Amino acid sequence: MKIPSSRARAGRVSTPETPRPFPRLVIAATESGVGKTSVTVGLLAALVARGTRVAPFKCGPDFLDPQLLRAAAGVPAATNLDRWLTSDATLVASVRRHGRPGPRELNLVEGVMGLLDTSSWGTSTADVAQVLRAPILLVVDASRAAESVALQVRGAREALPVGRLAGAIVNRVGRGWHAQAIRRAVEERGGVPVVGMLPWSSEVALPEQHLGLLTPQTRPGPDWARKFRALGAWAAEGVDLELLAELAGRAGPLPAPSDRRPGSGSGAGRCLAIAADPAFCFLYPQNREAFEDRGARIAPFSPTAGDGLPPSADAIYLPGGYPESHARALARNDGLRRELRGWVRDGRPLLAECGGMMYLLDRLVDARGREHRMVGAFRGSATMQARLAGLGYGQAVLRRRSLLGLRGQQLRGHIYHHSRRATPGTTVWGWLYRPRSGAPPQPDGLCRGLVAASYLHLRLDAYPQVVASMLNGKV
């Protein structure tokens, strides 16, 4: 197969018949653990260093990788693209809203898991690329193979629509004969150009903790700037950035925008208080935007820093995160705990997801078995464990009227947690959570008035009625 030339393409002039270019690429792999996030972060840092304006995106439900992507790109947010939590029209609208059109700009989408993973019941990287009409670069791990990595590339190319796989980036490659043999095999047998050859380096390894990678939000510090510089230099040396830009420019026009517009005005003058610190940092950018689009004012506050509730708050959002890692600081904030107990007792609008729900319980037991007092708005405790206790997509089927809607309504969401919750046998649950994996349904949803607290993470841009209920104080 003929390999595309790496010559830069001439800029195209936009006309009514020729839509403005929207250069974009999807960074994928055939499995997790091959360095897909490190490669994407490195590419973003390298492109920014050479003056390219970039916009990062992440496939699937993920809170941590987007924090790294946005920091490397120097932008306010890295937007999640999910075909199961939201519609295809919403996915495209997110790219149009946050992306960068123009011949000197680039939009980079990091895939989720392996290329086809979860295509049968969730969001796969290949499906997102198909919706966006975006070329794919495949990251392959050469640490335990040589010419045989071409088999992964060929298999991926044949599994995708013709022309969708645009090239390969070989990660953890050796020097000399190893690199030469792999390049020749991939281009001859894989049928796509090798866009980059990246050696293993301890300087570019990303640190991890439970639930995923460490990020500048979960572990603030001055070392991140050095880490991003190292990743950028690594990618700039090993990747043909001119060829990468050329391949991104080959993406066809984005699908036409939907006529649907975000709700506006119904929350004008209302204030949403959002817990925002390393303990509560799992928040989709679209969730915040869903409130801002309705005219609401956002008031962030930090429970771990000793903040109380913003005095102008009309509703509260407690996202997920790592309350177990900051349990001592949370327990010391007596004033906020009292305020939240009163707020929940009165049934005022409050949404708490996963870590936020754990914070509202009586107690939190950390991984070392130490017990910490939490808010005590709901009876029960959360105990950390080494193994995952819940992971994946699911549907909440409402058992009774709550902040999320009326009895019988169904909402799509996902869970991801290491804690086990224990509550009294008399607890009345707000909904039944049905995992898409086929695991047994589980009761969830601690509800009181307009308070809803659970393990469930939602994309609120898919449920404007929940946003309206929080801002207007009624279901």
Protein backbone atom coordinates (compact mmCIF):
# COMPACT_ATOMS: atom_id res chain seq x y z
CA MET A 1 0.00 0.00 0.00
CA LYS A 2 1.26 3.48 -0.85
CA ILE A 3 2.14 5.56 2.22
CA PRO A 4 0.90 9.19 2.27
CA SER A 5 3.53 11.87 1.84
CA SER A 6 4.50 13.96 4.86
CA ARG A 7 4.51 17.21 2.88
CA ALA A 8 2.47 19.94 4.53
CA ARG A 9 -0.77 20.71 2.79
CA ALA A 10 -1.58 24.17 1.52
CA GLY A 11 -4.20 26.05 3.53
CA ARG A 12 -7.71 25.87 2.10
CA VAL A 13 -9.96 28.89 1.70
CA SER A 14 -13.41 28.49 3.27
CA THR A 15 -16.39 29.08 1.03
CA PRO A 16 -20.09 28.23 1.45
CA GLU A 17 -19.32 25.01 -0.49
CA THR A 18 -16.09 24.32 1.45
CA PRO A 19 -16.70 24.40 5.22
CA ARG A 20 -14.01 25.90 7.40
CA PRO A 21 -11.41 23.22 8.20
CA PHE A 22 -11.60 21.63 11.64
CA PRO A 23 -8.32 19.66 11.96
CA ARG A 24 -8.75 16.73 14.33
CA LEU A 25 -7.22 13.40 15.28
CA VAL A 26 -8.17 10.59 17.65
CA ILE A 27 -5.34 8.94 19.62
CA ALA A 28 -6.26 5.27 20.13
CA ALA A 29 -4.78 1.91 21.12
CA THR A 30 -5.81 -1.74 20.97
CA GLU A 31 -5.66 -2.08 24.77
CA SER A 32 -5.11 -0.08 27.94
CA GLY A 33 -1.64 0.41 29.40
CA VAL A 34 0.29 1.20 26.21
CA GLY A 35 0.92 4.85 27.14
CA LYS A 36 -1.98 6.47 25.30
CA THR A 37 -2.39 9.25 27.87
CA SER A 38 1.35 9.99 28.06
CA VAL A 39 1.50 10.22 24.27
CA THR A 40 -1.55 12.51 24.09
CA VAL A 41 -0.24 14.78 26.85
CA GLY A 42 3.18 14.88 25.18
CA LEU A 43 1.67 15.77 21.81
CA LEU A 44 -0.39 18.57 23.35
CA ALA A 45 2.63 20.01 25.15
CA ALA A 46 4.79 19.77 22.00
CA LEU A 47 2.17 21.42 19.80
CA VAL A 48 1.62 24.26 22.29
CA ALA A 49 5.39 24.82 22.51
CA ARG A 50 5.58 25.32 18.74
CA GLY A 51 2.70 27.80 18.76
CA THR A 52 -0.18 25.61 17.66
CA ARG A 53 -3.52 26.31 19.34
CA VAL A 54 -4.93 23.01 20.55
CA ALA A 55 -8.18 21.75 22.06
CA PRO A 56 -8.15 18.43 23.97
CA PHE A 57 -11.01 15.95 24.31
CA LYS A 58 -11.45 12.58 26.03
CA CYS A 59 -13.64 9.65 24.98
CA GLY A 60 -15.86 8.05 27.58
CA PRO A 61 -16.49 8.63 31.28
CA ASP A 62 -13.23 9.87 32.80
CA PHE A 63 -12.43 12.67 35.26
CA LEU A 64 -8.64 12.32 35.65
CA ASP A 65 -7.18 12.11 32.13
CA PRO A 66 -9.02 15.31 31.09
CA GLN A 67 -7.35 17.18 33.98
CA LEU A 68 -3.95 16.25 32.55
CA LEU A 69 -4.99 17.08 28.99
CA ARG A 70 -6.30 20.52 29.84
CA ALA A 71 -3.21 21.38 31.90
CA ALA A 72 -0.88 20.30 29.09
CA ALA A 73 -2.90 22.29 26.54
CA GLY A 74 -3.24 25.34 28.78
CA VAL A 75 -7.03 25.54 28.31
CA PRO A 76 -9.91 25.79 30.82
CA ALA A 77 -11.36 22.36 30.07
CA ALA A 78 -10.87 19.07 28.25
CA THR A 79 -14.33 17.94 27.22
CA ASN A 80 -15.62 14.37 27.50
CA LEU A 81 -17.23 12.79 24.44
CA ASP A 82 -19.67 10.02 25.29
CA ARG A 83 -22.20 8.32 22.99
CA TRP A 84 -24.10 6.54 25.76
CA LEU A 85 -24.37 9.25 28.41
CA THR A 86 -25.39 11.79 25.77
CA SER A 87 -26.61 11.85 22.18
CA ASP A 88 -24.43 12.06 19.08
CA ALA A 89 -25.80 15.57 18.49
CA THR A 90 -24.63 16.60 21.97
CA LEU A 91 -21.23 15.04 21.32
CA VAL A 92 -20.76 17.01 18.10
CA ALA A 93 -22.06 20.18 19.78
CA SER A 94 -19.38 19.80 22.49
CA VAL A 95 -16.65 19.60 19.86
CA ARG A 96 -18.01 22.63 18.03
CA ARG A 97 -18.26 24.59 21.28
CA HIS A 98 -14.81 23.74 22.68
CA GLY A 99 -12.87 22.91 19.52
CA ARG A 100 -10.63 25.09 17.41
CA PRO A 101 -11.46 25.53 13.73
CA GLY A 102 -8.77 26.80 11.40
CA PRO A 103 -5.79 25.52 9.40
CA ARG A 104 -3.21 26.39 12.12
CA GLU A 105 -5.13 24.78 14.96
CA LEU A 106 -5.64 21.21 16.04
CA ASN A 107 -8.16 19.18 18.03
CA LEU A 108 -6.83 16.08 19.74
CA VAL A 109 -9.12 13.37 21.15
CA GLU A 110 -7.74 10.75 23.54
CA GLY A 111 -9.52 7.42 23.23
CA VAL A 112 -10.82 5.19 26.02
CA MET A 113 -9.45 1.70 26.73
CA GLY A 114 -8.94 -0.30 23.51
CA LEU A 115 -10.11 0.86 20.11
CA LEU A 116 -13.36 -1.16 20.06
CA ASP A 117 -13.86 -1.69 23.80
CA THR A 118 -17.40 -1.18 25.13
CA SER A 119 -18.80 -0.68 21.61
CA SER A 120 -21.49 -3.26 22.47
CA TRP A 121 -22.83 -1.40 25.50
CA GLY A 122 -21.17 2.00 25.91
CA THR A 123 -18.80 4.39 24.17
CA SER A 124 -15.91 3.09 22.08
CA THR A 125 -13.08 5.13 20.62
CA ALA A 126 -13.87 3.83 17.16
CA ASP A 127 -17.51 4.92 17.45
CA VAL A 128 -16.58 8.44 18.55
CA ALA A 129 -14.13 8.73 15.66
CA GLN A 130 -16.87 7.63 13.29
CA VAL A 131 -19.32 10.24 14.62
CA LEU A 132 -16.67 12.97 14.33
CA ARG A 133 -15.40 11.71 10.93
CA ALA A 134 -11.93 11.92 12.46
CA PRO A 135 -8.72 10.11 11.43
CA ILE A 136 -7.19 7.79 14.04
CA LEU A 137 -3.57 7.42 15.14
CA LEU A 138 -2.90 4.08 16.78
CA VAL A 139 -0.43 3.92 19.71
CA VAL A 140 1.32 0.53 19.87
CA ASP A 141 3.62 -0.79 22.60
CA ALA A 142 6.92 -2.16 21.27
CA SER A 143 8.45 -3.09 24.62
CA ARG A 144 7.80 -6.83 24.16
CA ALA A 145 7.80 -7.21 20.39
CA ALA A 146 9.45 -6.07 17.19
CA GLU A 147 8.02 -6.64 13.69
CA SER A 148 4.94 -8.26 15.22
CA VAL A 149 3.56 -4.88 16.30
CA ALA A 150 2.58 -4.51 12.64
CA LEU A 151 -0.08 -7.16 13.27
CA GLN A 152 -1.85 -4.86 15.73
CA VAL A 153 -1.76 -2.03 13.21
CA ARG A 154 -3.00 -4.19 10.35
CA GLY A 155 -5.77 -5.66 12.49
CA ALA A 156 -6.93 -2.22 13.57
CA ARG A 157 -6.85 -0.93 9.99
CA GLU A 158 -8.97 -3.84 8.75
CA ALA A 159 -11.47 -3.50 11.63
CA LEU A 160 -12.15 0.15 10.84
CA PRO A 161 -13.86 1.80 7.86
CA VAL A 162 -11.53 2.20 4.89
CA GLY A 163 -9.14 5.10 5.43
CA ARG A 164 -10.08 5.72 9.09
CA LEU A 165 -6.69 4.60 10.46
CA ALA A 166 -4.29 7.34 9.39
CA GLY A 167 -1.04 6.27 11.05
CA ALA A 168 0.75 4.73 14.02
CA ILE A 169 2.87 5.97 16.91
CA VAL A 170 5.21 3.32 18.29
CA ASN A 171 5.78 3.73 22.03
CA ARG A 172 8.55 2.22 24.20
CA VAL A 173 10.68 1.46 21.18
CA GLY A 174 14.38 0.56 21.31
CA ARG A 175 17.19 2.14 19.33
CA GLY A 176 18.92 0.99 16.16
CA TRP A 177 17.69 -2.23 14.55
CA HIS A 178 14.56 -2.43 16.78
CA ALA A 179 13.22 0.91 15.61
CA GLN A 180 14.17 0.33 11.97
CA ALA A 181 12.59 -3.13 11.85
CA ILE A 182 9.35 -1.91 13.40
CA ARG A 183 9.04 1.09 11.11
CA ARG A 184 9.53 -1.07 8.02
CA ALA A 185 7.08 -3.73 9.23
CA VAL A 186 4.36 -1.25 10.17
CA GLU A 187 4.54 0.64 6.89
CA GLU A 188 4.81 -2.47 4.70
CA ARG A 189 2.47 -4.85 6.54
CA GLY A 190 0.37 -2.43 8.56
CA GLY A 191 -0.24 -0.21 5.55
CA VAL A 192 -0.05 3.16 7.32
CA PRO A 193 2.78 5.64 7.99
CA VAL A 194 4.71 5.63 11.24
CA VAL A 195 4.10 9.12 12.59
CA GLY A 196 6.29 8.71 15.67
CA MET A 197 8.82 6.45 17.43
CA LEU A 198 9.00 7.12 21.16
CA PRO A 199 11.58 5.49 23.46
CA TRP A 200 10.79 4.56 27.05
CA SER A 201 11.83 7.25 29.53
CA SER A 202 11.34 7.46 33.28
CA GLU A 203 10.97 11.24 32.92
CA VAL A 204 7.68 10.90 31.06
CA ALA A 205 6.04 8.29 33.30
CA LEU A 206 2.84 9.68 34.82
CA PRO A 207 2.31 9.01 38.56
CA GLU A 208 -0.74 7.00 39.65
CA GLN A 209 -3.04 6.49 42.62
CA HIS A 210 -6.26 4.52 43.13
CA LEU A 211 -8.91 5.37 40.53
CA GLY A 212 -6.27 6.51 38.03
CA LEU A 213 -3.48 8.97 37.37
CA LEU A 214 -2.39 11.81 39.62
CA THR A 215 -3.17 15.24 38.19
CA PRO A 216 -2.43 18.89 38.99
CA GLN A 217 -5.87 19.07 40.65
CA THR A 218 -5.56 15.96 42.79
CA ARG A 219 -1.92 16.60 43.73
CA PRO A 220 -1.04 20.29 43.21
CA GLY A 221 2.65 21.19 43.05
CA PRO A 222 5.39 22.89 41.04
CA ASP A 223 6.70 19.67 39.47
CA TRP A 224 3.91 19.51 36.90
CA ALA A 225 5.43 22.23 34.70
CA ARG A 226 8.68 20.24 34.51
CA LYS A 227 6.75 17.03 33.76
CA PHE A 228 4.84 18.66 30.90
CA ARG A 229 8.07 20.13 29.46
CA ALA A 230 9.67 16.68 29.53
CA LEU A 231 6.66 15.10 27.85
CA GLY A 232 6.59 17.82 25.22
CA ALA A 233 10.29 17.46 24.44
CA TRP A 234 9.89 13.65 24.24
CA ALA A 235 7.03 13.95 21.76
CA ALA A 236 8.68 16.72 19.71
CA GLU A 237 11.82 14.64 19.25
CA GLY A 238 10.08 11.39 18.38
CA VAL A 239 6.97 12.45 16.43
CA ASP A 240 6.72 14.05 13.01
CA LEU A 241 4.50 16.94 14.04
CA GLU A 242 4.23 18.21 10.46
CA LEU A 243 2.85 14.87 9.31
CA LEU A 244 0.56 14.76 12.34
CA ALA A 245 -0.87 18.17 11.41
CA GLU A 246 -1.28 17.07 7.80
CA LEU A 247 -3.24 13.96 8.82
CA ALA A 248 -5.44 16.03 11.14
CA GLY A 249 -6.19 18.37 8.25
CA ARG A 250 -7.54 15.48 6.21
CA ALA A 251 -10.58 15.14 8.48
CA GLY A 252 -13.78 15.77 6.60
CA PRO A 253 -16.32 18.44 7.59
CA LEU A 254 -17.83 18.05 11.02
CA PRO A 255 -21.46 16.91 11.01
CA ALA A 256 -23.95 19.76 10.80
CA PRO A 257 -24.90 21.33 14.14
CA SER A 258 -28.19 20.43 15.78
CA ASP A 259 -30.95 23.01 15.98
CA ARG A 260 -31.26 22.31 19.70
CA ARG A 261 -30.02 25.16 21.87
CA PRO A 262 -29.13 25.03 25.59
CA GLY A 263 -31.76 26.33 27.97
CA SER A 264 -31.33 29.93 28.98
CA GLY A 265 -32.69 32.41 31.46
CA SER A 266 -34.53 30.04 33.80
CA GLY A 267 -31.69 30.25 36.34
CA ALA A 268 -30.85 33.94 35.93
CA GLY A 269 -29.88 35.47 39.25
CA ARG A 270 -29.52 32.08 40.98
CA CYS A 271 -26.25 30.97 42.59
CA LEU A 272 -24.87 27.43 42.47
CA ALA A 273 -22.21 26.64 45.07
CA ILE A 274 -19.80 23.94 43.81
CA ALA A 275 -17.29 22.22 46.08
CA ALA A 276 -14.00 22.53 44.18
CA ASP A 277 -10.71 21.29 45.64
CA PRO A 278 -8.60 18.09 45.58
CA ALA A 279 -11.30 16.25 47.57
CA PHE A 280 -14.08 17.20 45.12
CA CYS A 281 -12.61 17.43 41.62
CA PHE A 282 -14.62 14.96 39.54
CA LEU A 283 -16.77 17.40 37.60
CA TYR A 284 -17.63 17.30 33.91
CA PRO A 285 -17.14 20.72 32.27
CA GLN A 286 -20.53 20.27 30.58
CA ASN A 287 -22.21 19.98 33.98
CA ARG A 288 -20.97 23.40 35.02
CA GLU A 289 -21.87 24.80 31.60
CA ALA A 290 -25.40 23.42 31.93
CA PHE A 291 -25.95 25.80 34.86
CA GLU A 292 -24.11 28.73 33.28
CA ASP A 293 -26.15 28.38 30.09
CA ARG A 294 -29.26 29.01 32.17
CA GLY A 295 -27.84 32.18 33.62
CA ALA A 296 -26.72 30.80 36.99
CA ARG A 297 -23.71 32.22 38.79
CA ILE A 298 -21.13 29.68 39.98
CA ALA A 299 -19.62 30.11 43.45
CA PRO A 300 -16.79 27.61 44.11
CA PHE A 301 -15.82 26.80 47.69
CA SER A 302 -13.23 24.50 49.29
CA PRO A 303 -14.33 22.24 52.15
CA THR A 304 -10.73 21.09 52.76
CA ALA A 305 -9.51 24.69 53.08
CA GLY A 306 -12.07 25.43 55.80
CA ASP A 307 -14.57 27.36 53.68
CA GLY A 308 -18.21 27.67 54.64
CA LEU A 309 -21.09 27.78 52.20
CA PRO A 310 -21.16 30.88 49.99
CA PRO A 311 -23.83 33.11 51.61
CA SER A 312 -25.63 33.67 48.30
CA ALA A 313 -26.02 29.95 47.49
CA ASP A 314 -29.40 28.80 46.18
CA ALA A 315 -28.24 25.25 45.37
CA ILE A 316 -25.20 23.08 46.16
CA TYR A 317 -23.23 20.63 44.05
CA LEU A 318 -20.84 18.20 45.79
CA PRO A 319 -18.95 16.34 43.01
CA GLY A 320 -16.98 13.17 43.42
CA GLY A 321 -13.27 13.06 44.06
CA TYR A 322 -11.01 11.90 46.87
CA PRO A 323 -12.64 12.71 50.23
CA GLU A 324 -10.85 9.67 51.69
CA SER A 325 -7.47 11.32 50.97
CA HIS A 326 -8.52 14.54 52.71
CA ALA A 327 -10.77 13.13 55.42
CA ARG A 328 -8.93 14.80 58.31
CA ALA A 329 -9.31 18.26 56.78
CA LEU A 330 -12.97 17.61 56.03
CA ALA A 331 -13.60 16.42 59.59
CA ARG A 332 -12.00 19.58 61.01
CA ASN A 333 -14.37 21.88 59.11
CA ASP A 334 -17.09 21.83 61.78
CA GLY A 335 -18.79 24.98 60.52
CA LEU A 336 -19.41 23.61 57.03
CA ARG A 337 -20.58 20.27 58.38
CA ARG A 338 -23.21 22.07 60.51
CA GLU A 339 -24.32 24.18 57.53
CA LEU A 340 -24.71 21.14 55.31
CA ARG A 341 -26.66 19.20 57.94
CA GLY A 342 -29.13 22.06 58.16
CA TRP A 343 -29.33 22.39 54.38
CA VAL A 344 -30.12 18.67 53.94
CA ARG A 345 -32.56 18.68 56.87
CA ASP A 346 -34.50 21.46 55.13
CA GLY A 347 -34.47 19.54 51.82
CA ARG A 348 -32.98 22.42 49.84
CA PRO A 349 -31.52 21.72 46.35
CA LEU A 350 -28.32 19.68 46.62
CA LEU A 351 -26.75 17.11 44.29
CA ALA A 352 -23.96 14.92 45.67
CA GLU A 353 -22.12 12.42 43.47
CA CYS A 354 -20.01 9.55 44.83
CA GLY A 355 -17.37 11.32 46.98
CA GLY A 356 -19.90 14.06 47.69
CA MET A 357 -22.35 11.43 48.92
CA MET A 358 -19.67 9.83 51.11
CA TYR A 359 -19.04 13.25 52.69
CA LEU A 360 -22.72 13.55 53.67
CA LEU A 361 -22.69 10.26 55.64
CA ASP A 362 -21.86 9.92 59.34
CA ARG A 363 -18.43 8.41 58.93
CA LEU A 364 -15.69 7.68 56.41
CA VAL A 365 -13.18 4.88 57.08
CA ASP A 366 -10.00 5.36 55.07
CA ALA A 367 -7.75 2.70 53.53
CA ARG A 368 -5.76 2.43 56.78
CA GLY A 369 -8.87 1.73 58.81
CA ARG A 370 -8.97 5.18 60.42
CA GLU A 371 -12.46 6.54 61.07
CA HIS A 372 -13.31 10.18 60.33
CA ARG A 373 -16.45 12.13 61.18
CA MET A 374 -18.26 13.45 58.15
CA VAL A 375 -21.35 15.68 57.82
CA GLY A 376 -23.88 13.27 59.30
CA ALA A 377 -26.75 14.45 57.09
CA PHE A 378 -27.57 10.81 56.27
CA ARG A 379 -27.09 7.79 58.53
CA GLY A 380 -24.36 5.43 57.44
CA SER A 381 -20.69 5.07 56.62
CA ALA A 382 -18.36 4.56 53.66
CA THR A 383 -15.32 2.27 54.01
CA MET A 384 -12.44 2.29 51.52
CA GLN A 385 -11.15 -0.98 50.12
CA ALA A 386 -8.32 -1.93 47.79
CA ARG A 387 -10.54 -3.46 45.11
CA LEU A 388 -13.01 -1.64 42.91
CA ALA A 389 -16.52 -1.84 44.32
CA GLY A 390 -18.31 -0.41 41.30
CA LEU A 391 -17.40 0.43 37.70
CA GLY A 392 -19.26 1.11 34.48
CA TYR A 393 -22.36 2.48 32.83
CA GLY A 394 -25.88 1.97 34.16
CA GLN A 395 -29.40 3.30 34.40
CA ALA A 396 -31.14 4.76 37.42
CA VAL A 397 -34.83 3.87 37.52
CA LEU A 398 -36.52 6.31 39.89
CA ARG A 399 -38.64 4.68 42.60
CA ARG A 400 -40.12 7.95 43.81
CA ARG A 401 -40.20 11.65 43.08
CA SER A 402 -36.84 13.29 43.73
CA LEU A 403 -34.48 15.98 42.50
CA LEU A 404 -33.74 13.78 39.47
CA GLY A 405 -37.36 13.57 38.34
CA LEU A 406 -40.62 11.69 38.73
CA ARG A 407 -41.26 8.07 39.67
CA GLY A 408 -40.56 5.72 36.77
CA GLN A 409 -38.13 8.01 34.94
CA GLN A 410 -34.81 6.53 33.78
CA LEU A 411 -31.48 8.32 33.69
CA ARG A 412 -28.19 7.13 32.24
CA GLY A 413 -25.03 7.52 34.27
CA HIS A 414 -21.94 5.68 35.46
CA ILE A 415 -20.19 4.67 38.68
CA TYR A 416 -16.52 4.28 39.64
CA HIS A 417 -15.62 3.79 43.30
CA HIS A 418 -13.50 1.83 45.79
CA SER A 419 -15.75 2.34 48.81
CA ARG A 420 -18.44 0.20 50.39
CA ARG A 421 -21.45 1.99 51.84
CA ALA A 422 -23.30 0.75 54.92
CA THR A 423 -26.69 2.26 55.84
CA PRO A 424 -29.50 1.31 58.23
CA GLY A 425 -31.95 -1.33 57.04
CA THR A 426 -34.73 1.25 57.22
CA THR A 427 -33.14 3.42 54.50
CA VAL A 428 -35.63 4.38 51.78
CA TRP A 429 -33.84 4.49 48.44
CA GLY A 430 -34.63 6.93 45.65
CA TRP A 431 -33.86 4.65 42.69
CA LEU A 432 -32.64 1.29 41.49
CA TYR A 433 -29.31 1.27 39.65
CA ARG A 434 -29.13 -1.26 36.80
CA PRO A 435 -25.54 -1.82 35.57
CA ARG A 436 -25.12 -2.19 31.82
CA SER A 437 -22.65 -5.00 32.49
CA GLY A 438 -25.50 -7.29 33.54
CA ALA A 439 -24.54 -7.30 37.23
CA PRO A 440 -27.44 -7.43 39.70
CA PRO A 441 -29.34 -4.15 40.23
CA GLN A 442 -28.49 -2.18 43.38
CA PRO A 443 -30.58 0.30 45.38
CA ASP A 444 -29.10 3.80 45.45
CA GLY A 445 -30.15 7.39 45.97
CA LEU A 446 -30.28 8.97 49.43
CA CYS A 447 -33.05 11.53 49.02
CA ARG A 448 -34.72 14.16 51.18
CA GLY A 449 -36.79 16.91 49.60
CA LEU A 450 -34.62 18.31 46.79
CA VAL A 451 -31.49 16.55 48.04
CA ALA A 452 -30.13 13.61 46.02
CA ALA A 453 -26.91 11.83 47.02
CA SER A 454 -25.60 8.63 45.43
CA TYR A 455 -22.73 6.84 43.71
CA LEU A 456 -24.17 7.89 40.35
CA HIS A 457 -22.31 10.33 38.07
CA LEU A 458 -24.54 12.14 35.56
CA ARG A 459 -23.96 14.26 32.48
CA LEU A 460 -26.32 17.11 33.29
CA ASP A 461 -26.26 18.50 29.75
CA ALA A 462 -28.37 15.42 28.95
CA TYR A 463 -30.87 16.18 31.74
CA PRO A 464 -31.86 19.86 31.69
CA GLN A 465 -34.79 19.10 34.00
CA VAL A 466 -32.37 18.28 36.84
CA VAL A 467 -30.56 21.58 36.29
CA ALA A 468 -33.88 23.44 36.28
CA SER A 469 -35.01 21.70 39.48
CA MET A 470 -31.81 22.69 41.28
CA LEU A 471 -32.00 26.32 40.19
CA ASN A 472 -35.77 26.78 40.58
CA GLY A 473 -36.22 24.74 43.75
CA LYS A 474 -38.97 22.47 42.43
CA VAL A 475 -39.32 19.26 40.41
